[in-house]
Amino acid sequence: RAVEAMTQDVQRLERVSHRFERIGRPPRDER
């Protein structure tokens, strides 16, 4: 369970990292 929770946290950190990459750039238009 700890490993599963760490996996989710790392995935969330990756999403947060992607957010910072998107700052100052045109937003995507997708479904």
Full PDB file with SEQRES, HELIX, SHEET, SSBOND, CRYST1, ORIGX, SCALE, CONECT and MASTER records, all heavy atoms in Angstrom:
SEQRES   1 A   31  ARG ALA VAL GLU ALA MET THR GLN ASP VAL GLN ARG LEU          
SEQRES   2 A   31  GLU ARG VAL SER HIS ARG PHE GLU ARG ILE GLY ARG PRO          
SEQRES   3 A   31  PRO ARG ASP GLU ARG                                          
HELIX    1 AA1 ALA A    2  ARG A   22  1                                  21    
CRYST1    1.000    1.000    1.000  90.00  90.00  90.00 P 1           1          
ORIGX1      1.000000  0.000000  0.000000        0.00000                         
ORIGX2      0.000000  1.000000  0.000000        0.00000                         
ORIGX3      0.000000  0.000000  1.000000        0.00000                         
SCALE1      1.000000  0.000000  0.000000        0.00000                         
SCALE2      0.000000  1.000000  0.000000        0.00000                         
SCALE3      0.000000  0.000000  1.000000        0.00000                         
ATOM      1  N   ARG A   1       0.826  -1.212   0.000  1.00  0.00           N  
ATOM      2  CA  ARG A   1       0.000   0.000   0.000  1.00  0.00           C  
ATOM      3  C   ARG A   1       0.854   1.253   0.000  1.00  0.00           C  
ATOM      4  O   ARG A   1       0.523   2.233  -0.656  1.00  0.00           O  
ATOM      5  CB  ARG A   1      -0.903  -0.023   1.230  1.00  0.00           C  
ATOM      6  CG  ARG A   1      -1.986  -1.114   1.190  1.00  0.00           C  
ATOM      7  CD  ARG A   1      -2.812  -1.097   2.447  1.00  0.00           C  
ATOM      8  NE  ARG A   1      -3.436   0.227   2.642  1.00  0.00           N  
ATOM      9  CZ  ARG A   1      -4.136   0.546   3.739  1.00  0.00           C  
ATOM     10  NH1 ARG A   1      -4.252  -0.330   4.734  1.00  0.00           N  
ATOM     11  NH2 ARG A   1      -4.676   1.731   3.831  1.00  0.00           N  
ATOM     12  N   ALA A   2       1.974   1.207   0.716  1.00  0.00           N  
ATOM     13  CA  ALA A   2       2.871   2.362   0.733  1.00  0.00           C  
ATOM     14  C   ALA A   2       3.459   2.612  -0.654  1.00  0.00           C  
ATOM     15  O   ALA A   2       3.566   3.759  -1.113  1.00  0.00           O  
ATOM     16  CB  ALA A   2       3.976   2.149   1.759  1.00  0.00           C  
ATOM     17  N   VAL A   3       3.851   1.551  -1.326  1.00  0.00           N  
ATOM     18  CA  VAL A   3       4.408   1.700  -2.673  1.00  0.00           C  
ATOM     19  C   VAL A   3       3.355   2.256  -3.625  1.00  0.00           C  
ATOM     20  O   VAL A   3       3.639   3.113  -4.478  1.00  0.00           O  
ATOM     21  CB  VAL A   3       4.951   0.346  -3.179  1.00  0.00           C  
ATOM     22  CG1 VAL A   3       5.303   0.437  -4.661  1.00  0.00           C  
ATOM     23  CG2 VAL A   3       6.160  -0.061  -2.373  1.00  0.00           C  
ATOM     24  N   GLU A   4       2.121   1.774  -3.481  1.00  0.00           N  
ATOM     25  CA  GLU A   4       1.044   2.279  -4.343  1.00  0.00           C  
ATOM     26  C   GLU A   4       0.802   3.763  -4.097  1.00  0.00           C  
ATOM     27  O   GLU A   4       0.612   4.547  -5.043  1.00  0.00           O  
ATOM     28  CB  GLU A   4      -0.233   1.484  -4.079  1.00  0.00           C  
ATOM     29  CG  GLU A   4      -1.398   1.913  -4.966  1.00  0.00           C  
ATOM     30  CD  GLU A   4      -2.656   1.124  -4.662  1.00  0.00           C  
ATOM     31  OE1 GLU A   4      -2.593   0.191  -3.824  1.00  0.00           O  
ATOM     32  OE2 GLU A   4      -3.718   1.437  -5.248  1.00  0.00           O  
ATOM     33  N   ALA A   5       0.828   4.176  -2.832  1.00  0.00           N  
ATOM     34  CA  ALA A   5       0.636   5.592  -2.511  1.00  0.00           C  
ATOM     35  C   ALA A   5       1.792   6.435  -3.033  1.00  0.00           C  
ATOM     36  O   ALA A   5       1.584   7.542  -3.559  1.00  0.00           O  
ATOM     37  CB  ALA A   5       0.491   5.774  -0.996  1.00  0.00           C  
ATOM     38  N   MET A   6       3.019   5.913  -2.911  1.00  0.00           N  
ATOM     39  CA  MET A   6       4.168   6.657  -3.447  1.00  0.00           C  
ATOM     40  C   MET A   6       4.075   6.789  -4.967  1.00  0.00           C  
ATOM     41  O   MET A   6       4.442   7.825  -5.544  1.00  0.00           O  
ATOM     42  CB  MET A   6       5.464   5.962  -3.041  1.00  0.00           C  
ATOM     43  CG  MET A   6       5.830   6.153  -1.567  1.00  0.00           C  
ATOM     44  SD  MET A   6       7.491   5.555  -1.172  1.00  0.00           S  
ATOM     45  CE  MET A   6       7.268   3.786  -1.403  1.00  0.00           C  
ATOM     46  N   THR A   7       3.583   5.759  -5.629  1.00  0.00           N  
ATOM     47  CA  THR A   7       3.410   5.827  -7.082  1.00  0.00           C  
ATOM     48  C   THR A   7       2.438   6.937  -7.462  1.00  0.00           C  
ATOM     49  O   THR A   7       2.687   7.721  -8.388  1.00  0.00           O  
ATOM     50  CB  THR A   7       2.908   4.474  -7.615  1.00  0.00           C  
ATOM     51  OG1 THR A   7       3.837   3.450  -7.270  1.00  0.00           O  
ATOM     52  CG2 THR A   7       2.734   4.528  -9.121  1.00  0.00           C  
ATOM     53  N   GLN A   8       1.328   7.015  -6.736  1.00  0.00           N  
ATOM     54  CA  GLN A   8       0.359   8.073  -7.009  1.00  0.00           C  
ATOM     55  C   GLN A   8       0.947   9.455  -6.736  1.00  0.00           C  
ATOM     56  O   GLN A   8       0.710  10.403  -7.492  1.00  0.00           O  
ATOM     57  CB  GLN A   8      -0.895   7.850  -6.166  1.00  0.00           C  
ATOM     58  CG  GLN A   8      -1.675   6.610  -6.551  1.00  0.00           C  
ATOM     59  CD  GLN A   8      -2.886   6.410  -5.665  1.00  0.00           C  
ATOM     60  OE1 GLN A   8      -3.091   7.142  -4.694  1.00  0.00           O  
ATOM     61  NE2 GLN A   8      -3.701   5.407  -5.976  1.00  0.00           N  
ATOM     62  N   ASP A   9       1.729   9.575  -5.662  1.00  0.00           N  
ATOM     63  CA  ASP A   9       2.340  10.870  -5.345  1.00  0.00           C  
ATOM     64  C   ASP A   9       3.357  11.279  -6.410  1.00  0.00           C  
ATOM     65  O   ASP A   9       3.436  12.456  -6.784  1.00  0.00           O  
ATOM     66  CB  ASP A   9       3.013  10.819  -3.980  1.00  0.00           C  
ATOM     67  CG  ASP A   9       1.994  10.784  -2.847  1.00  0.00           C  
ATOM     68  OD1 ASP A   9       0.867  11.272  -3.072  1.00  0.00           O  
ATOM     69  OD2 ASP A   9       2.323  10.265  -1.763  1.00  0.00           O  
ATOM     70  N   VAL A  10       4.149  10.337  -6.886  1.00  0.00           N  
ATOM     71  CA  VAL A  10       5.111  10.655  -7.940  1.00  0.00           C  
ATOM     72  C   VAL A  10       4.379  11.064  -9.218  1.00  0.00           C  
ATOM     73  O   VAL A  10       4.791  12.004  -9.916  1.00  0.00           O  
ATOM     74  CB  VAL A  10       6.052   9.461  -8.192  1.00  0.00           C  
ATOM     75  CG1 VAL A  10       6.882   9.693  -9.459  1.00  0.00           C  
ATOM     76  CG2 VAL A  10       6.971   9.261  -6.996  1.00  0.00           C  
ATOM     77  N   GLN A  11       3.296  10.375  -9.535  1.00  0.00           N  
ATOM     78  CA  GLN A  11       2.518  10.751 -10.708  1.00  0.00           C  
ATOM     79  C   GLN A  11       1.950  12.162 -10.553  1.00  0.00           C  
ATOM     80  O   GLN A  11       1.914  12.928 -11.524  1.00  0.00           O  
ATOM     81  CB  GLN A  11       1.390   9.739 -10.927  1.00  0.00           C  
ATOM     82  CG  GLN A  11       1.882   8.365 -11.363  1.00  0.00           C  
ATOM     83  CD  GLN A  11       0.761   7.354 -11.450  1.00  0.00           C  
ATOM     84  OE1 GLN A  11      -0.373   7.620 -11.026  1.00  0.00           O  
ATOM     85  NE2 GLN A  11       1.062   6.173 -11.984  1.00  0.00           N  
ATOM     86  N   ARG A  12       1.520  12.478  -9.349  1.00  0.00           N  
ATOM     87  CA  ARG A  12       1.011  13.827  -9.132  1.00  0.00           C  
ATOM     88  C   ARG A  12       2.128  14.862  -9.267  1.00  0.00           C  
ATOM     89  O   ARG A  12       1.933  15.940  -9.828  1.00  0.00           O  
ATOM     90  CB  ARG A  12       0.376  13.930  -7.746  1.00  0.00           C  
ATOM     91  CG  ARG A  12      -0.240  15.302  -7.477  1.00  0.00           C  
ATOM     92  CD  ARG A  12      -1.012  15.324  -6.178  1.00  0.00           C  
ATOM     93  NE  ARG A  12      -1.606  16.642  -5.986  1.00  0.00           N  
ATOM     94  CZ  ARG A  12      -0.990  17.667  -5.407  1.00  0.00           C  
ATOM     95  NH1 ARG A  12       0.250  17.522  -4.986  1.00  0.00           N  
ATOM     96  NH2 ARG A  12      -1.597  18.820  -5.274  1.00  0.00           N  
ATOM     97  N   LEU A  13       3.306  14.542  -8.745  1.00  0.00           N  
ATOM     98  CA  LEU A  13       4.442  15.462  -8.914  1.00  0.00           C  
ATOM     99  C   LEU A  13       4.771  15.662 -10.392  1.00  0.00           C  
ATOM    100  O   LEU A  13       5.129  16.767 -10.809  1.00  0.00           O  
ATOM    101  CB  LEU A  13       5.658  14.928  -8.165  1.00  0.00           C  
ATOM    102  CG  LEU A  13       5.642  15.064  -6.639  1.00  0.00           C  
ATOM    103  CD1 LEU A  13       6.854  14.362  -6.035  1.00  0.00           C  
ATOM    104  CD2 LEU A  13       5.633  16.530  -6.239  1.00  0.00           C  
ATOM    105  N   GLU A  14       4.649  14.614 -11.171  1.00  0.00           N  
ATOM    106  CA  GLU A  14       4.888  14.749 -12.604  1.00  0.00           C  
ATOM    107  C   GLU A  14       3.853  15.665 -13.250  1.00  0.00           C  
ATOM    108  O   GLU A  14       4.186  16.474 -14.116  1.00  0.00           O  
ATOM    109  CB  GLU A  14       4.875  13.371 -13.259  1.00  0.00           C  
ATOM    110  CG  GLU A  14       6.082  12.495 -12.897  1.00  0.00           C  
ATOM    111  CD  GLU A  14       5.994  11.119 -13.513  1.00  0.00           C  
ATOM    112  OE1 GLU A  14       4.888  10.761 -13.996  1.00  0.00           O  
ATOM    113  OE2 GLU A  14       7.002  10.402 -13.507  1.00  0.00           O  
ATOM    114  N   ARG A  15       2.599  15.541 -12.814  1.00  0.00           N  
ATOM    115  CA  ARG A  15       1.574  16.426 -13.358  1.00  0.00           C  
ATOM    116  C   ARG A  15       1.827  17.872 -12.952  1.00  0.00           C  
ATOM    117  O   ARG A  15       1.640  18.795 -13.741  1.00  0.00           O  
ATOM    118  CB  ARG A  15       0.188  15.974 -12.889  1.00  0.00           C  
ATOM    119  CG  ARG A  15      -0.267  14.659 -13.522  1.00  0.00           C  
ATOM    120  CD  ARG A  15      -1.772  14.461 -13.336  1.00  0.00           C  
ATOM    121  NE  ARG A  15      -2.132  14.348 -11.929  1.00  0.00           N  
ATOM    122  CZ  ARG A  15      -2.165  13.191 -11.273  1.00  0.00           C  
ATOM    123  NH1 ARG A  15      -1.859  12.056 -11.896  1.00  0.00           N  
ATOM    124  NH2 ARG A  15      -2.521  13.149 -10.004  1.00  0.00           N  
ATOM    125  N   VAL A  16       2.248  18.077 -11.698  1.00  0.00           N  
ATOM    126  CA  VAL A  16       2.585  19.434 -11.252  1.00  0.00           C  
ATOM    127  C   VAL A  16       3.742  19.990 -12.070  1.00  0.00           C  
ATOM    128  O   VAL A  16       3.748  21.169 -12.463  1.00  0.00           O  
ATOM    129  CB  VAL A  16       2.928  19.431  -9.747  1.00  0.00           C  
ATOM    130  CG1 VAL A  16       3.472  20.796  -9.318  1.00  0.00           C  
ATOM    131  CG2 VAL A  16       1.690  19.081  -8.922  1.00  0.00           C  
ATOM    132  N   SER A  17       4.732  19.139 -12.351  1.00  0.00           N  
ATOM    133  CA  SER A  17       5.858  19.566 -13.176  1.00  0.00           C  
ATOM    134  C   SER A  17       5.393  19.974 -14.563  1.00  0.00           C  
ATOM    135  O   SER A  17       5.854  20.980 -15.123  1.00  0.00           O  
ATOM    136  CB  SER A  17       6.888  18.436 -13.263  1.00  0.00           C  
ATOM    137  OG  SER A  17       7.936  18.778 -14.136  1.00  0.00           O  
ATOM    138  N   HIS A  18       4.450  19.223 -15.128  1.00  0.00           N  
ATOM    139  CA  HIS A  18       3.914  19.569 -16.446  1.00  0.00           C  
ATOM    140  C   HIS A  18       3.180  20.905 -16.403  1.00  0.00           C  
ATOM    141  O   HIS A  18       3.209  21.665 -17.373  1.00  0.00           O  
ATOM    142  CB  HIS A  18       2.973  18.470 -16.933  1.00  0.00           C  
ATOM    143  CG  HIS A  18       3.681  17.181 -17.252  1.00  0.00           C  
ATOM    144  ND1 HIS A  18       4.966  17.140 -17.738  1.00  0.00           N  
ATOM    145  CD2 HIS A  18       3.264  15.882 -17.156  1.00  0.00           C  
ATOM    146  CE1 HIS A  18       5.324  15.881 -17.930  1.00  0.00           C  
ATOM    147  NE2 HIS A  18       4.312  15.091 -17.575  1.00  0.00           N  
ATOM    148  N   ARG A  19       2.531  21.196 -15.269  1.00  0.00           N  
ATOM    149  CA  ARG A  19       1.839  22.487 -15.162  1.00  0.00           C  
ATOM    150  C   ARG A  19       2.829  23.646 -15.273  1.00  0.00           C  
ATOM    151  O   ARG A  19       2.578  24.636 -15.972  1.00  0.00           O  
ATOM    152  CB  ARG A  19       1.110  22.582 -13.822  1.00  0.00           C  
ATOM    153  CG  ARG A  19      -0.029  21.602 -13.656  1.00  0.00           C  
ATOM    154  CD  ARG A  19      -0.549  21.675 -12.242  1.00  0.00           C  
ATOM    155  NE  ARG A  19      -1.482  20.608 -11.953  1.00  0.00           N  
ATOM    156  CZ  ARG A  19      -1.975  20.366 -10.749  1.00  0.00           C  
ATOM    157  NH1 ARG A  19      -1.585  21.107  -9.721  1.00  0.00           N  
ATOM    158  NH2 ARG A  19      -2.827  19.376 -10.552  1.00  0.00           N  
ATOM    159  N   PHE A  20       3.942  23.527 -14.562  1.00  0.00           N  
ATOM    160  CA  PHE A  20       4.936  24.601 -14.626  1.00  0.00           C  
ATOM    161  C   PHE A  20       5.496  24.753 -16.033  1.00  0.00           C  
ATOM    162  O   PHE A  20       5.857  25.858 -16.444  1.00  0.00           O  
ATOM    163  CB  PHE A  20       6.060  24.343 -13.625  1.00  0.00           C  
ATOM    164  CG  PHE A  20       5.657  24.567 -12.194  1.00  0.00           C  
ATOM    165  CD1 PHE A  20       5.715  23.542 -11.266  1.00  0.00           C  
ATOM    166  CD2 PHE A  20       5.218  25.806 -11.776  1.00  0.00           C  
ATOM    167  CE1 PHE A  20       5.340  23.748  -9.952  1.00  0.00           C  
ATOM    168  CE2 PHE A  20       4.845  26.024 -10.465  1.00  0.00           C  
ATOM    169  CZ  PHE A  20       4.901  24.995  -9.554  1.00  0.00           C  
ATOM    170  N   GLU A  21       5.569  23.662 -16.757  1.00  0.00           N  
ATOM    171  CA  GLU A  21       6.048  23.752 -18.142  1.00  0.00           C  
ATOM    172  C   GLU A  21       5.067  24.517 -19.017  1.00  0.00           C  
ATOM    173  O   GLU A  21       5.465  25.124 -20.006  1.00  0.00           O  
ATOM    174  CB  GLU A  21       6.262  22.349 -18.711  1.00  0.00           C  
ATOM    175  CG  GLU A  21       7.436  21.590 -18.105  1.00  0.00           C  
ATOM    176  CD  GLU A  21       7.562  20.189 -18.678  1.00  0.00           C  
ATOM    177  OE1 GLU A  21       6.651  19.787 -19.446  1.00  0.00           O  
ATOM    178  OE2 GLU A  21       8.543  19.508 -18.364  1.00  0.00           O  
ATOM    179  N   ARG A  22       3.763  24.497 -18.642  1.00  0.00           N  
ATOM    180  CA  ARG A  22       2.745  25.128 -19.466  1.00  0.00           C  
ATOM    181  C   ARG A  22       2.591  26.612 -19.188  1.00  0.00           C  
ATOM    182  O   ARG A  22       1.896  27.314 -19.942  1.00  0.00           O  
ATOM    183  CB  ARG A  22       1.406  24.432 -19.224  1.00  0.00           C  
ATOM    184  CG  ARG A  22       1.444  22.927 -19.418  1.00  0.00           C  
ATOM    185  CD  ARG A  22       1.773  22.565 -20.838  1.00  0.00           C  
ATOM    186  NE  ARG A  22       0.758  23.044 -21.728  1.00  0.00           N  
ATOM    187  CZ  ARG A  22      -0.408  22.418 -21.925  1.00  0.00           C  
ATOM    188  NH1 ARG A  22      -0.643  21.297 -21.304  1.00  0.00           N  
ATOM    189  NH2 ARG A  22      -1.280  22.925 -22.756  1.00  0.00           N  
ATOM    190  N   ILE A  23       3.177  27.099 -18.106  1.00  0.00           N  
ATOM    191  CA  ILE A  23       3.037  28.522 -17.772  1.00  0.00           C  
ATOM    192  C   ILE A  23       3.673  29.375 -18.871  1.00  0.00           C  
ATOM    193  O   ILE A  23       4.802  29.152 -19.284  1.00  0.00           O  
ATOM    194  CB  ILE A  23       3.686  28.825 -16.410  1.00  0.00           C  
ATOM    195  CG1 ILE A  23       2.910  28.148 -15.292  1.00  0.00           C  
ATOM    196  CG2 ILE A  23       3.761  30.330 -16.148  1.00  0.00           C  
ATOM    197  CD1 ILE A  23       3.495  28.344 -13.921  1.00  0.00           C  
ATOM    198  N   GLY A  24       2.920  30.384 -19.306  1.00  0.00           N  
ATOM    199  CA  GLY A  24       3.422  31.292 -20.335  1.00  0.00           C  
ATOM    200  C   GLY A  24       3.263  30.775 -21.746  1.00  0.00           C  
ATOM    201  O   GLY A  24       3.659  31.459 -22.689  1.00  0.00           O  
ATOM    202  N   ARG A  25       2.677  29.602 -21.922  1.00  0.00           N  
ATOM    203  CA  ARG A  25       2.479  29.038 -23.247  1.00  0.00           C  
ATOM    204  C   ARG A  25       0.982  28.979 -23.569  1.00  0.00           C  
ATOM    205  O   ARG A  25       0.159  28.946 -22.664  1.00  0.00           O  
ATOM    206  CB  ARG A  25       3.084  27.635 -23.330  1.00  0.00           C  
ATOM    207  CG  ARG A  25       4.603  27.641 -23.163  1.00  0.00           C  
ATOM    208  CD  ARG A  25       5.167  26.230 -23.269  1.00  0.00           C  
ATOM    209  NE  ARG A  25       6.615  26.235 -23.119  1.00  0.00           N  
ATOM    210  CZ  ARG A  25       7.363  25.152 -23.139  1.00  0.00           C  
ATOM    211  NH1 ARG A  25       6.782  23.955 -23.290  1.00  0.00           N  
ATOM    212  NH2 ARG A  25       8.672  25.241 -23.005  1.00  0.00           N  
ATOM    213  N   PRO A  26       0.606  28.965 -24.860  1.00  0.00           N  
ATOM    214  CA  PRO A  26      -0.818  28.905 -25.208  1.00  0.00           C  
ATOM    215  C   PRO A  26      -1.453  27.623 -24.675  1.00  0.00           C  
ATOM    216  O   PRO A  26      -0.865  26.549 -24.752  1.00  0.00           O  
ATOM    217  CB  PRO A  26      -0.808  28.923 -26.751  1.00  0.00           C  
ATOM    218  CG  PRO A  26       0.516  29.511 -27.120  1.00  0.00           C  
ATOM    219  CD  PRO A  26       1.470  29.092 -26.042  1.00  0.00           C  
ATOM    220  N   PRO A  27      -2.655  27.707 -24.118  1.00  0.00           N  
ATOM    221  CA  PRO A  27      -3.317  26.502 -23.593  1.00  0.00           C  
ATOM    222  C   PRO A  27      -3.757  25.580 -24.726  1.00  0.00           C  
ATOM    223  O   PRO A  27      -4.029  26.027 -25.840  1.00  0.00           O  
ATOM    224  CB  PRO A  27      -4.527  27.068 -22.837  1.00  0.00           C  
ATOM    225  CG  PRO A  27      -4.812  28.371 -23.516  1.00  0.00           C  
ATOM    226  CD  PRO A  27      -3.480  28.919 -23.931  1.00  0.00           C  
ATOM    227  N   ARG A  28      -3.849  24.320 -24.418  1.00  0.00           N  
ATOM    228  CA  ARG A  28      -4.326  23.352 -25.401  1.00  0.00           C  
ATOM    229  C   ARG A  28      -5.846  23.424 -25.511  1.00  0.00           C  
ATOM    230  O   ARG A  28      -6.541  23.757 -24.559  1.00  0.00           O  
ATOM    231  CB  ARG A  28      -3.899  21.944 -24.993  1.00  0.00           C  
ATOM    232  CG  ARG A  28      -2.397  21.728 -25.024  1.00  0.00           C  
ATOM    233  CD  ARG A  28      -2.047  20.340 -24.517  1.00  0.00           C  
ATOM    234  NE  ARG A  28      -0.602  20.122 -24.504  1.00  0.00           N  
ATOM    235  CZ  ARG A  28      -0.008  19.046 -23.983  1.00  0.00           C  
ATOM    236  NH1 ARG A  28      -0.764  18.107 -23.429  1.00  0.00           N  
ATOM    237  NH2 ARG A  28       1.302  18.930 -24.010  1.00  0.00           N  
ATOM    238  N   ASP A  29      -6.332  23.074 -26.691  1.00  0.00           N  
ATOM    239  CA  ASP A  29      -7.767  23.025 -26.926  1.00  0.00           C  
ATOM    240  C   ASP A  29      -8.113  21.597 -27.324  1.00  0.00           C  
ATOM    241  O   ASP A  29      -7.983  21.211 -28.483  1.00  0.00           O  
ATOM    242  CB  ASP A  29      -8.164  24.021 -28.021  1.00  0.00           C  
ATOM    243  CG  ASP A  29      -9.675  24.098 -28.200  1.00  0.00           C  
ATOM    244  OD1 ASP A  29     -10.402  23.586 -27.337  1.00  0.00           O  
ATOM    245  OD2 ASP A  29     -10.118  24.656 -29.230  1.00  0.00           O  
ATOM    246  N   GLU A  30      -8.546  20.819 -26.347  1.00  0.00           N  
ATOM    247  CA  GLU A  30      -8.808  19.404 -26.586  1.00  0.00           C  
ATOM    248  C   GLU A  30     -10.070  18.985 -25.844  1.00  0.00           C  
ATOM    249  O   GLU A  30     -10.608  19.727 -25.015  1.00  0.00           O  
ATOM    250  CB  GLU A  30      -7.615  18.561 -26.106  1.00  0.00           C  
ATOM    251  CG  GLU A  30      -7.250  18.802 -24.642  1.00  0.00           C  
ATOM    252  CD  GLU A  30      -5.919  18.196 -24.252  1.00  0.00           C  
ATOM    253  OE1 GLU A  30      -5.226  17.701 -25.131  1.00  0.00           O  
ATOM    254  OE2 GLU A  30      -5.597  18.246 -23.050  1.00  0.00           O  
ATOM    255  N   ARG A  31     -10.544  17.789 -26.163  1.00  0.00           N  
ATOM    256  CA  ARG A  31     -11.708  17.246 -25.487  1.00  0.00           C  
ATOM    257  C   ARG A  31     -11.283  16.639 -24.151  1.00  0.00           C  
ATOM    258  O   ARG A  31     -10.404  15.781 -24.098  1.00  0.00           O  
ATOM    259  CB  ARG A  31     -12.362  16.170 -26.353  1.00  0.00           C  
ATOM    260  CG  ARG A  31     -13.040  16.720 -27.595  1.00  0.00           C  
ATOM    261  CD  ARG A  31     -14.345  17.402 -27.229  1.00  0.00           C  
ATOM    262  NE  ARG A  31     -15.106  17.811 -28.401  1.00  0.00           N  
ATOM    263  CZ  ARG A  31     -16.293  18.370 -28.347  1.00  0.00           C  
ATOM    264  NH1 ARG A  31     -16.850  18.610 -27.177  1.00  0.00           N  
ATOM    265  NH2 ARG A  31     -16.926  18.727 -29.441  1.00  0.00           N  
TER     266      ARG A  31                                                      
MASTER        0    0    0    1    0    0    0    6  265    1    0    3          
END                                                                             
